[in-house]
Amino acid sequence: MSIKNAFTKFETILGENVWRGEIANARYGQSTNGVTVDIAGVLLPETPEQVQKIVAVAYDERVSLYPISMGNNWGYGSSSPVTAGNVIV
């Protein structure tokens, strides 16, 4: 069980629709209240089947998912998770 194994599997499922590192943190790492959180990565599924596979991998690898809508969630402090190490879906 590891985040590295999880991302290998996520990339198999989603191809280039997996963001990590600077691109993930630049887009989702800072909330509207100025708090910065380290994001493990961002997954951009396009089908319900991909979502099902992502959830199964996260369960198997014990990776925390943080689902968001297509909007910015401004009323909730933006789209950044409240704790570090989450994978945004």
PDB file of N, CA and C in Angstrom:
ATOM      1  N   MET A   1       0.824  -1.176   0.000  1.00  0.00           N
ATOM      2  CA  MET A   1       0.000   0.000   0.000  1.00  0.00           C
ATOM      3  C   MET A   1       0.873   1.245   0.000  1.00  0.00           C
ATOM      4  N   SER A   2       0.749   2.046  -1.060  1.00  0.00           N
ATOM      5  CA  SER A   2       1.532   3.275  -1.105  1.00  0.00           C
ATOM      6  C   SER A   2       0.953   4.247  -2.117  1.00  0.00           C
ATOM      7  N   ILE A   3       1.279   5.512  -1.911  1.00  0.00           N
ATOM      8  CA  ILE A   3       0.840   6.552  -2.832  1.00  0.00           C
ATOM      9  C   ILE A   3       1.494   6.359  -4.199  1.00  0.00           C
ATOM     10  N   LYS A   4       2.736   5.869  -4.202  1.00  0.00           N
ATOM     11  CA  LYS A   4       3.434   5.632  -5.475  1.00  0.00           C
ATOM     12  C   LYS A   4       2.716   4.558  -6.286  1.00  0.00           C
ATOM     13  N   ASN A   5       2.364   3.453  -5.654  1.00  0.00           N
ATOM     14  CA  ASN A   5       1.614   2.397  -6.344  1.00  0.00           C
ATOM     15  C   ASN A   5       0.276   2.920  -6.838  1.00  0.00           C
ATOM     16  N   ALA A   6      -0.379   3.717  -6.002  1.00  0.00           N
ATOM     17  CA  ALA A   6      -1.679   4.259  -6.382  1.00  0.00           C
ATOM     18  C   ALA A   6      -1.557   5.107  -7.643  1.00  0.00           C
ATOM     19  N   PHE A   7      -0.559   5.978  -7.702  1.00  0.00           N
ATOM     20  CA  PHE A   7      -0.434   6.848  -8.869  1.00  0.00           C
ATOM     21  C   PHE A   7      -0.026   6.083 -10.127  1.00  0.00           C
ATOM     22  N   THR A   8       0.715   5.018  -9.976  1.00  0.00           N
ATOM     23  CA  THR A   8       1.003   4.166 -11.133  1.00  0.00           C
ATOM     24  C   THR A   8      -0.308   3.609 -11.687  1.00  0.00           C
ATOM     25  N   LYS A   9      -1.177   3.166 -10.802  1.00  0.00           N
ATOM     26  CA  LYS A   9      -2.479   2.631 -11.220  1.00  0.00           C
ATOM     27  C   LYS A   9      -3.389   3.731 -11.764  1.00  0.00           C
ATOM     28  N   PHE A  10      -3.385   4.899 -11.113  1.00  0.00           N
ATOM     29  CA  PHE A  10      -4.198   6.011 -11.603  1.00  0.00           C
ATOM     30  C   PHE A  10      -3.787   6.403 -13.018  1.00  0.00           C
ATOM     31  N   GLU A  11      -2.490   6.433 -13.286  1.00  0.00           N
ATOM     32  CA  GLU A  11      -2.007   6.786 -14.623  1.00  0.00           C
ATOM     33  C   GLU A  11      -2.412   5.741 -15.656  1.00  0.00           C
ATOM     34  N   THR A  12      -2.477   4.483 -15.252  1.00  0.00           N
ATOM     35  CA  THR A  12      -2.955   3.436 -16.157  1.00  0.00           C
ATOM     36  C   THR A  12      -4.418   3.666 -16.502  1.00  0.00           C
ATOM     37  N   ILE A  13      -5.199   4.088 -15.537  1.00  0.00           N
ATOM     38  CA  ILE A  13      -6.628   4.319 -15.738  1.00  0.00           C
ATOM     39  C   ILE A  13      -6.881   5.598 -16.529  1.00  0.00           C
ATOM     40  N   LEU A  14      -6.163   6.678 -16.194  1.00  0.00           N
ATOM     41  CA  LEU A  14      -6.489   8.007 -16.714  1.00  0.00           C
ATOM     42  C   LEU A  14      -5.499   8.573 -17.730  1.00  0.00           C
ATOM     43  N   GLY A  15      -4.366   7.937 -17.910  1.00  0.00           N
ATOM     44  CA  GLY A  15      -3.372   8.474 -18.836  1.00  0.00           C
ATOM     45  C   GLY A  15      -2.861   9.834 -18.383  1.00  0.00           C
ATOM     46  N   GLU A  16      -2.970  10.827 -19.255  1.00  0.00           N
ATOM     47  CA  GLU A  16      -2.455  12.159 -18.959  1.00  0.00           C
ATOM     48  C   GLU A  16      -3.378  12.988 -18.068  1.00  0.00           C
ATOM     49  N   ASN A  17      -4.508  12.446 -17.683  1.00  0.00           N
ATOM     50  CA  ASN A  17      -5.435  13.166 -16.821  1.00  0.00           C
ATOM     51  C   ASN A  17      -5.099  12.995 -15.345  1.00  0.00           C
ATOM     52  N   VAL A  18      -3.796  12.916 -15.062  1.00  0.00           N
ATOM     53  CA  VAL A  18      -3.278  12.840 -13.695  1.00  0.00           C
ATOM     54  C   VAL A  18      -2.274  13.969 -13.532  1.00  0.00           C
ATOM     55  N   TRP A  19      -2.514  14.829 -12.543  1.00  0.00           N
ATOM     56  CA  TRP A  19      -1.598  15.932 -12.263  1.00  0.00           C
ATOM     57  C   TRP A  19      -0.912  15.669 -10.940  1.00  0.00           C
ATOM     58  N   ARG A  20       0.377  15.973 -10.896  1.00  0.00           N
ATOM     59  CA  ARG A  20       1.139  15.855  -9.643  1.00  0.00           C
ATOM     60  C   ARG A  20       2.079  17.033  -9.522  1.00  0.00           C
ATOM     61  N   GLY A  21       2.654  17.192  -8.365  1.00  0.00           N
ATOM     62  CA  GLY A  21       3.678  18.207  -8.152  1.00  0.00           C
ATOM     63  C   GLY A  21       3.178  19.627  -8.297  1.00  0.00           C
ATOM     64  N   GLU A  22       3.982  20.456  -8.970  1.00  0.00           N
ATOM     65  CA  GLU A  22       3.712  21.885  -9.062  1.00  0.00           C
ATOM     66  C   GLU A  22       2.372  22.207  -9.701  1.00  0.00           C
ATOM     67  N   ILE A  23       2.005  21.488 -10.746  1.00  0.00           N
ATOM     68  CA  ILE A  23       0.741  21.798 -11.427  1.00  0.00           C
ATOM     69  C   ILE A  23      -0.451  21.552 -10.501  1.00  0.00           C
ATOM     70  N   ALA A  24      -0.412  20.484  -9.727  1.00  0.00           N
ATOM     71  CA  ALA A  24      -1.495  20.182  -8.788  1.00  0.00           C
ATOM     72  C   ALA A  24      -1.554  21.205  -7.671  1.00  0.00           C
ATOM     73  N   ASN A  25      -0.408  21.537  -7.107  1.00  0.00           N
ATOM     74  CA  ASN A  25      -0.370  22.485  -5.998  1.00  0.00           C
ATOM     75  C   ASN A  25      -0.671  23.912  -6.441  1.00  0.00           C
ATOM     76  N   ALA A  26      -0.266  24.277  -7.649  1.00  0.00           N
ATOM     77  CA  ALA A  26      -0.557  25.621  -8.153  1.00  0.00           C
ATOM     78  C   ALA A  26      -2.057  25.816  -8.342  1.00  0.00           C
ATOM     79  N   ARG A  27      -2.725  24.804  -8.825  1.00  0.00           N
ATOM     80  CA  ARG A  27      -4.166  24.917  -9.100  1.00  0.00           C
ATOM     81  C   ARG A  27      -5.022  24.724  -7.855  1.00  0.00           C
ATOM     82  N   TYR A  28      -4.644  23.832  -6.959  1.00  0.00           N
ATOM     83  CA  TYR A  28      -5.520  23.458  -5.851  1.00  0.00           C
ATOM     84  C   TYR A  28      -4.898  23.587  -4.461  1.00  0.00           C
ATOM     85  N   GLY A  29      -3.669  24.025  -4.354  1.00  0.00           N
ATOM     86  CA  GLY A  29      -2.986  24.023  -3.065  1.00  0.00           C
ATOM     87  C   GLY A  29      -3.321  25.147  -2.116  1.00  0.00           C
ATOM     88  N   GLN A  30      -3.881  26.252  -2.634  1.00  0.00           N
ATOM     89  CA  GLN A  30      -4.157  27.380  -1.747  1.00  0.00           C
ATOM     90  C   GLN A  30      -5.647  27.683  -1.718  1.00  0.00           C
ATOM     91  N   SER A  31      -6.166  27.851  -0.509  1.00  0.00           N
ATOM     92  CA  SER A  31      -7.580  28.167  -0.347  1.00  0.00           C
ATOM     93  C   SER A  31      -7.789  29.673  -0.380  1.00  0.00           C
ATOM     94  N   THR A  32      -9.041  30.084  -0.389  1.00  0.00           N
ATOM     95  CA  THR A  32      -9.362  31.511  -0.431  1.00  0.00           C
ATOM     96  C   THR A  32      -8.976  32.237   0.851  1.00  0.00           C
ATOM     97  N   ASN A  33      -8.774  31.495   1.936  1.00  0.00           N
ATOM     98  CA  ASN A  33      -8.376  32.140   3.191  1.00  0.00           C
ATOM     99  C   ASN A  33      -6.854  32.193   3.362  1.00  0.00           C
ATOM    100  N   GLY A  34      -6.104  31.843   2.320  1.00  0.00           N
ATOM    101  CA  GLY A  34      -4.657  31.971   2.339  1.00  0.00           C
ATOM    102  C   GLY A  34      -3.891  30.766   2.867  1.00  0.00           C
ATOM    103  N   VAL A  35      -4.581  29.740   3.304  1.00  0.00           N
ATOM    104  CA  VAL A  35      -3.929  28.531   3.807  1.00  0.00           C
ATOM    105  C   VAL A  35      -3.448  27.693   2.623  1.00  0.00           C
ATOM    106  N   THR A  36      -2.215  27.233   2.689  1.00  0.00           N
ATOM    107  CA  THR A  36      -1.655  26.389   1.635  1.00  0.00           C
ATOM    108  C   THR A  36      -1.576  24.952   2.137  1.00  0.00           C
ATOM    109  N   VAL A  37      -2.020  24.017   1.297  1.00  0.00           N
ATOM    110  CA  VAL A  37      -2.028  22.599   1.631  1.00  0.00           C
ATOM    111  C   VAL A  37      -1.288  21.842   0.531  1.00  0.00           C
ATOM    112  N   ASP A  38      -0.446  20.895   0.901  1.00  0.00           N
ATOM    113  CA  ASP A  38       0.274  20.082  -0.082  1.00  0.00           C
ATOM    114  C   ASP A  38      -0.678  19.032  -0.650  1.00  0.00           C
ATOM    115  N   ILE A  39      -0.875  19.078  -1.952  1.00  0.00           N
ATOM    116  CA  ILE A  39      -1.777  18.169  -2.657  1.00  0.00           C
ATOM    117  C   ILE A  39      -0.966  16.989  -3.186  1.00  0.00           C
ATOM    118  N   ALA A  40      -1.417  15.757  -2.934  1.00  0.00           N
ATOM    119  CA  ALA A  40      -0.718  14.583  -3.468  1.00  0.00           C
ATOM    120  C   ALA A  40      -0.857  14.514  -4.981  1.00  0.00           C
ATOM    121  N   GLY A  41      -2.006  14.942  -5.485  1.00  0.00           N
ATOM    122  CA  GLY A  41      -2.234  14.921  -6.918  1.00  0.00           C
ATOM    123  C   GLY A  41      -3.675  15.235  -7.243  1.00  0.00           C
ATOM    124  N   VAL A  42      -3.952  15.354  -8.538  1.00  0.00           N
ATOM    125  CA  VAL A  42      -5.299  15.631  -9.032  1.00  0.00           C
ATOM    126  C   VAL A  42      -5.613  14.607 -10.104  1.00  0.00           C
ATOM    127  N   LEU A  43      -6.812  14.020 -10.015  1.00  0.00           N
ATOM    128  CA  LEU A  43      -7.277  13.045 -11.005  1.00  0.00           C
ATOM    129  C   LEU A  43      -8.471  13.643 -11.731  1.00  0.00           C
ATOM    130  N   LEU A  44      -8.467  13.535 -13.048  1.00  0.00           N
ATOM    131  CA  LEU A  44      -9.518  14.124 -13.868  1.00  0.00           C
ATOM    132  C   LEU A  44     -10.236  13.034 -14.674  1.00  0.00           C
ATOM    133  N   PRO A  45     -11.099  12.274 -14.020  1.00  0.00           N
ATOM    134  CA  PRO A  45     -11.810  11.206 -14.739  1.00  0.00           C
ATOM    135  C   PRO A  45     -12.839  11.796 -15.695  1.00  0.00           C
ATOM    136  N   GLU A  46     -13.123  11.041 -16.745  1.00  0.00           N
ATOM    137  CA  GLU A  46     -14.089  11.485 -17.745  1.00  0.00           C
ATOM    138  C   GLU A  46     -15.318  10.597 -17.816  1.00  0.00           C
ATOM    139  N   THR A  47     -15.278   9.440 -17.175  1.00  0.00           N
ATOM    140  CA  THR A  47     -16.407   8.513 -17.236  1.00  0.00           C
ATOM    141  C   THR A  47     -16.714   7.959 -15.842  1.00  0.00           C
ATOM    142  N   PRO A  48     -17.939   7.511 -15.645  1.00  0.00           N
ATOM    143  CA  PRO A  48     -18.273   6.868 -14.369  1.00  0.00           C
ATOM    144  C   PRO A  48     -17.412   5.628 -14.101  1.00  0.00           C
ATOM    145  N   GLU A  49     -17.051   4.914 -15.143  1.00  0.00           N
ATOM    146  CA  GLU A  49     -16.214   3.721 -14.983  1.00  0.00           C
ATOM    147  C   GLU A  49     -14.836   4.079 -14.450  1.00  0.00           C
ATOM    148  N   GLN A  50     -14.282   5.187 -14.922  1.00  0.00           N
ATOM    149  CA  GLN A  50     -12.987   5.633 -14.413  1.00  0.00           C
ATOM    150  C   GLN A  50     -13.092   6.011 -12.931  1.00  0.00           C
ATOM    151  N   VAL A  51     -14.186   6.648 -12.551  1.00  0.00           N
ATOM    152  CA  VAL A  51     -14.383   7.011 -11.147  1.00  0.00           C
ATOM    153  C   VAL A  51     -14.437   5.749 -10.285  1.00  0.00           C
ATOM    154  N   GLN A  52     -15.148   4.748 -10.737  1.00  0.00           N
ATOM    155  CA  GLN A  52     -15.228   3.489  -9.991  1.00  0.00           C
ATOM    156  C   GLN A  52     -13.853   2.859  -9.812  1.00  0.00           C
ATOM    157  N   LYS A  53     -13.055   2.860 -10.858  1.00  0.00           N
ATOM    158  CA  LYS A  53     -11.708   2.290 -10.782  1.00  0.00           C
ATOM    159  C   LYS A  53     -10.816   3.101  -9.845  1.00  0.00           C
ATOM    160  N   ILE A  54     -10.928   4.422  -9.888  1.00  0.00           N
ATOM    161  CA  ILE A  54     -10.150   5.286  -9.002  1.00  0.00           C
ATOM    162  C   ILE A  54     -10.470   4.992  -7.541  1.00  0.00           C
ATOM    163  N   VAL A  55     -11.740   4.890  -7.241  1.00  0.00           N
ATOM    164  CA  VAL A  55     -12.160   4.623  -5.862  1.00  0.00           C
ATOM    165  C   VAL A  55     -11.642   3.260  -5.402  1.00  0.00           C
ATOM    166  N   ALA A  56     -11.686   2.268  -6.285  1.00  0.00           N
ATOM    167  CA  ALA A  56     -11.183   0.936  -5.929  1.00  0.00           C
ATOM    168  C   ALA A  56      -9.679   0.979  -5.637  1.00  0.00           C
ATOM    169  N   VAL A  57      -8.919   1.687  -6.459  1.00  0.00           N
ATOM    170  CA  VAL A  57      -7.472   1.815  -6.229  1.00  0.00           C
ATOM    171  C   VAL A  57      -7.216   2.539  -4.918  1.00  0.00           C
ATOM    172  N   ALA A  58      -7.921   3.631  -4.691  1.00  0.00           N
ATOM    173  CA  ALA A  58      -7.726   4.401  -3.453  1.00  0.00           C
ATOM    174  C   ALA A  58      -8.023   3.534  -2.230  1.00  0.00           C
ATOM    175  N   TYR A  59      -9.052   2.732  -2.313  1.00  0.00           N
ATOM    176  CA  TYR A  59      -9.385   1.834  -1.206  1.00  0.00           C
ATOM    177  C   TYR A  59      -8.267   0.812  -0.982  1.00  0.00           C
ATOM    178  N   ASP A  60      -7.827   0.184  -2.063  1.00  0.00           N
ATOM    179  CA  ASP A  60      -6.775  -0.839  -1.960  1.00  0.00           C
ATOM    180  C   ASP A  60      -5.462  -0.272  -1.437  1.00  0.00           C
ATOM    181  N   GLU A  61      -5.118   0.935  -1.870  1.00  0.00           N
ATOM    182  CA  GLU A  61      -3.835   1.543  -1.513  1.00  0.00           C
ATOM    183  C   GLU A  61      -3.936   2.474  -0.303  1.00  0.00           C
ATOM    184  N   ARG A  62      -5.125   2.598   0.269  1.00  0.00           N
ATOM    185  CA  ARG A  62      -5.362   3.440   1.452  1.00  0.00           C
ATOM    186  C   ARG A  62      -4.965   4.899   1.205  1.00  0.00           C
ATOM    187  N   VAL A  63      -5.443   5.421   0.071  1.00  0.00           N
ATOM    188  CA  VAL A  63      -5.183   6.797  -0.331  1.00  0.00           C
ATOM    189  C   VAL A  63      -6.463   7.602  -0.116  1.00  0.00           C
ATOM    190  N   SER A  64      -6.333   8.791   0.470  1.00  0.00           N
ATOM    191  CA  SER A  64      -7.492   9.650   0.723  1.00  0.00           C
ATOM    192  C   SER A  64      -7.853  10.441  -0.522  1.00  0.00           C
ATOM    193  N   LEU A  65      -9.126  10.337  -0.920  1.00  0.00           N
ATOM    194  CA  LEU A  65      -9.639  11.108  -2.041  1.00  0.00           C
ATOM    195  C   LEU A  65     -10.399  12.315  -1.514  1.00  0.00           C
ATOM    196  N   TYR A  66     -10.339  13.416  -2.256  1.00  0.00           N
ATOM    197  CA  TYR A  66     -11.068  14.629  -1.915  1.00  0.00           C
ATOM    198  C   TYR A  66     -11.861  15.047  -3.145  1.00  0.00           C
ATOM    199  N   PRO A  67     -13.128  14.626  -3.227  1.00  0.00           N
ATOM    200  CA  PRO A  67     -13.925  14.949  -4.407  1.00  0.00           C
ATOM    201  C   PRO A  67     -14.388  16.404  -4.399  1.00  0.00           C
ATOM    202  N   ILE A  68     -14.364  17.019  -5.566  1.00  0.00           N
ATOM    203  CA  ILE A  68     -14.857  18.387  -5.709  1.00  0.00           C
ATOM    204  C   ILE A  68     -15.763  18.445  -6.931  1.00  0.00           C
ATOM    205  N   SER A  69     -16.489  19.544  -7.031  1.00  0.00           N
ATOM    206  CA  SER A  69     -17.330  19.764  -8.198  1.00  0.00           C
ATOM    207  C   SER A  69     -16.498  20.430  -9.291  1.00  0.00           C
ATOM    208  N   MET A  70     -17.124  20.753 -10.378  1.00  0.00           N
ATOM    209  CA  MET A  70     -16.430  21.451 -11.464  1.00  0.00           C
ATOM    210  C   MET A  70     -16.233  22.932 -11.143  1.00  0.00           C
ATOM    211  N   GLY A  71     -16.915  23.433 -10.103  1.00  0.00           N
ATOM    212  CA  GLY A  71     -16.801  24.834  -9.718  1.00  0.00           C
ATOM    213  C   GLY A  71     -15.616  25.075  -8.812  1.00  0.00           C
ATOM    214  N   ASN A  72     -15.585  26.256  -8.223  1.00  0.00           N
ATOM    215  CA  ASN A  72     -14.474  26.647  -7.360  1.00  0.00           C
ATOM    216  C   ASN A  72     -14.741  26.425  -5.880  1.00  0.00           C
ATOM    217  N   ASN A  73     -15.981  26.129  -5.502  1.00  0.00           N
ATOM    218  CA  ASN A  73     -16.339  25.915  -4.097  1.00  0.00           C
ATOM    219  C   ASN A  73     -15.939  27.105  -3.226  1.00  0.00           C
ATOM    220  N   TRP A  74     -16.119  28.333  -3.731  1.00  0.00           N
ATOM    221  CA  TRP A  74     -15.694  29.521  -2.998  1.00  0.00           C
ATOM    222  C   TRP A  74     -16.295  29.583  -1.594  1.00  0.00           C
ATOM    223  N   GLY A  75     -17.506  29.156  -1.431  1.00  0.00           N
ATOM    224  CA  GLY A  75     -18.153  29.205  -0.126  1.00  0.00           C
ATOM    225  C   GLY A  75     -17.540  28.268   0.893  1.00  0.00           C
ATOM    226  N   TYR A  76     -16.754  27.311   0.438  1.00  0.00           N
ATOM    227  CA  TYR A  76     -16.125  26.336   1.330  1.00  0.00           C
ATOM    228  C   TYR A  76     -14.612  26.531   1.421  1.00  0.00           C
ATOM    229  N   GLY A  77     -14.112  27.688   1.028  1.00  0.00           N
ATOM    230  CA  GLY A  77     -12.677  27.943   1.104  1.00  0.00           C
ATOM    231  C   GLY A  77     -11.942  27.496  -0.129  1.00  0.00           C
ATOM    232  N   SER A  78     -12.601  27.351  -1.228  1.00  0.00           N
ATOM    233  CA  SER A  78     -12.112  26.925  -2.543  1.00  0.00           C
ATOM    234  C   SER A  78     -12.027  25.416  -2.646  1.00  0.00           C
ATOM    235  N   SER A  79     -11.319  24.943  -3.612  1.00  0.00           N
ATOM    236  CA  SER A  79     -11.267  23.507  -3.904  1.00  0.00           C
ATOM    237  C   SER A  79     -10.130  22.781  -3.204  1.00  0.00           C
ATOM    238  N   SER A  80      -9.389  23.441  -2.353  1.00  0.00           N
ATOM    239  CA  SER A  80      -8.272  22.771  -1.692  1.00  0.00           C
ATOM    240  C   SER A  80      -8.769  21.969  -0.496  1.00  0.00           C
ATOM    241  N   PRO A  81      -8.215  20.781  -0.280  1.00  0.00           N
ATOM    242  CA  PRO A  81      -8.610  19.958   0.870  1.00  0.00           C
ATOM    243  C   PRO A  81      -8.154  20.588   2.183  1.00  0.00           C
ATOM    244  N   VAL A  82      -8.752  20.136   3.268  1.00  0.00           N
ATOM    245  CA  VAL A  82      -8.426  20.711   4.563  1.00  0.00           C
ATOM    246  C   VAL A  82      -7.177  20.094   5.185  1.00  0.00           C
ATOM    247  N   THR A  83      -6.735  18.939   4.672  1.00  0.00           N
ATOM    248  CA  THR A  83      -5.516  18.300   5.170  1.00  0.00           C
ATOM    249  C   THR A  83      -4.594  17.974   4.011  1.00  0.00           C
ATOM    250  N   ALA A  84      -3.325  17.848   4.283  1.00  0.00           N
ATOM    251  CA  ALA A  84      -2.323  17.557   3.251  1.00  0.00           C
ATOM    252  C   ALA A  84      -2.385  16.087   2.843  1.00  0.00           C
ATOM    253  N   GLY A  85      -1.887  15.821   1.637  1.00  0.00           N
ATOM    254  CA  GLY A  85      -1.724  14.458   1.167  1.00  0.00           C
ATOM    255  C   GLY A  85      -2.927  13.858   0.482  1.00  0.00           C
ATOM    256  N   ASN A  86      -3.984  14.634   0.289  1.00  0.00           N
ATOM    257  CA  ASN A  86      -5.169  14.124  -0.389  1.00  0.00           C
ATOM    258  C   ASN A  86      -4.989  14.128  -1.894  1.00  0.00           C
ATOM    259  N   VAL A  87      -5.766  13.291  -2.551  1.00  0.00           N
ATOM    260  CA  VAL A  87      -5.826  13.259  -4.006  1.00  0.00           C
ATOM    261  C   VAL A  87      -7.174  13.858  -4.398  1.00  0.00           C
ATOM    262  N   ILE A  88      -7.159  14.936  -5.146  1.00  0.00           N
ATOM    263  CA  ILE A  88      -8.381  15.594  -5.571  1.00  0.00           C
ATOM    264  C   ILE A  88      -8.927  14.876  -6.793  1.00  0.00           C
ATOM    265  N   VAL A  89     -10.237  14.648  -6.769  1.00  0.00           N
ATOM    266  CA  VAL A  89     -10.923  14.027  -7.901  1.00  0.00           C
ATOM    267  C   VAL A  89     -12.002  14.995  -8.361  1.00  0.00           C
TER     268      VAL A  89
END
